[in-house]
Amino acid sequence: MSELKNKLASQPQIAGTLDPSVSPDAAKPGRHPALAMSVNDVAATLGIGRTTVYKLIGEARLQTRKLGRRTLVLSESVFRLLGEA
């Protein structure tokens, strides 16, 4: 996981967007931070590939919920993962 930590350290603008206290959505009236994200959104936000996201899901390091055919990653588990890094 040090690879992820190094990636985030080199891209502070990404790390800041994952801090729920500074969420741009939370600042907008009537908007709430996302409770879940698509696998593609998690990959783009963390700067990792979809395969790595699915690997983290398989290792139970990211929690998911199925909504129809979509796999959604709980935002809380992304924050927890970053706390481990």
Protein backbone atom coordinates (compact mmCIF):
# COMPACT_ATOMS: atom_id res chain seq x y z
CA MET A 1 0.00 0.00 0.00
CA SER A 2 3.02 2.30 0.16
CA GLU A 3 2.60 2.68 -3.61
CA LEU A 4 -0.81 4.28 -3.04
CA LYS A 5 0.56 6.46 -0.26
CA ASN A 6 3.37 7.71 -2.51
CA LYS A 7 0.92 8.45 -5.31
CA LEU A 8 -1.29 10.49 -3.01
CA ALA A 9 1.66 12.32 -1.50
CA SER A 10 2.72 13.41 -4.96
CA GLN A 11 -0.80 14.62 -5.76
CA PRO A 12 -2.02 16.67 -2.77
CA GLN A 13 -4.99 18.00 -4.72
CA ILE A 14 -6.41 14.46 -4.86
CA ALA A 15 -5.79 13.77 -1.19
CA GLY A 16 -7.65 16.98 -0.27
CA THR A 17 -10.72 15.94 -2.24
CA LEU A 18 -11.02 12.76 -0.18
CA ASP A 19 -11.11 14.60 3.14
CA PRO A 20 -14.82 14.69 4.08
CA SER A 21 -14.34 17.92 6.04
CA VAL A 22 -13.36 19.75 2.84
CA SER A 23 -15.65 17.98 0.41
CA PRO A 24 -16.70 20.35 -2.38
CA ASP A 25 -20.15 18.73 -2.39
CA ALA A 26 -20.60 19.38 1.32
CA ALA A 27 -20.06 23.10 0.75
CA LYS A 28 -22.94 23.37 -1.74
CA PRO A 29 -26.39 24.08 -0.29
CA GLY A 30 -28.68 21.07 -0.56
CA ARG A 31 -25.82 18.73 -1.51
CA HIS A 32 -24.41 15.90 0.58
CA PRO A 33 -21.12 14.08 0.15
CA ALA A 34 -21.44 10.90 -1.90
CA LEU A 35 -22.05 7.81 0.21
CA ALA A 36 -20.71 5.54 -2.52
CA MET A 37 -18.70 5.78 -5.73
CA SER A 38 -18.41 3.69 -8.84
CA VAL A 39 -15.32 1.56 -9.34
CA ASN A 40 -14.26 3.94 -12.13
CA ASP A 41 -14.63 6.97 -9.84
CA VAL A 42 -12.58 5.32 -7.08
CA ALA A 43 -9.85 4.42 -9.57
CA ALA A 44 -9.74 7.95 -11.00
CA THR A 45 -9.84 9.62 -7.59
CA LEU A 46 -7.03 7.49 -6.16
CA GLY A 47 -5.01 7.48 -9.37
CA ILE A 48 -4.99 3.69 -9.58
CA GLY A 49 -6.37 1.21 -12.09
CA ARG A 50 -9.72 -0.55 -11.98
CA THR A 51 -7.91 -3.87 -11.56
CA THR A 52 -6.28 -2.55 -8.38
CA VAL A 53 -9.66 -1.37 -7.09
CA TYR A 54 -11.12 -4.84 -7.67
CA LYS A 55 -8.05 -6.36 -5.96
CA LEU A 56 -8.69 -4.15 -2.91
CA ILE A 57 -12.34 -5.22 -2.97
CA GLY A 58 -11.28 -8.88 -3.14
CA GLU A 59 -8.98 -8.36 -0.15
CA ALA A 60 -11.95 -6.83 1.75
CA ARG A 61 -10.07 -3.53 2.09
CA LEU A 62 -12.89 -1.72 0.25
CA GLN A 63 -16.54 -2.39 1.06
CA THR A 64 -19.07 -2.54 -1.76
CA ARG A 65 -22.78 -2.71 -2.35
CA LYS A 66 -24.50 -3.94 -5.48
CA LEU A 67 -27.22 -1.77 -6.97
CA GLY A 68 -28.64 -3.72 -9.86
CA ARG A 69 -25.61 -4.54 -12.00
CA ARG A 70 -23.49 -1.70 -10.60
CA THR A 71 -20.83 -2.22 -7.98
CA LEU A 72 -20.61 0.79 -5.69
CA VAL A 73 -17.71 1.33 -3.28
CA LEU A 74 -18.65 2.87 0.05
CA SER A 75 -16.90 6.22 0.49
CA GLU A 76 -16.29 5.44 4.16
CA SER A 77 -14.17 2.43 3.16
CA VAL A 78 -12.10 4.62 0.81
CA PHE A 79 -11.39 7.05 3.68
CA ARG A 80 -10.49 4.12 5.94
CA LEU A 81 -8.13 2.72 3.28
CA LEU A 82 -6.38 6.08 3.02
CA GLY A 83 -6.01 6.15 6.79
CA GLU A 84 -4.10 2.85 6.53
CA ALA A 85 -1.72 4.20 3.87
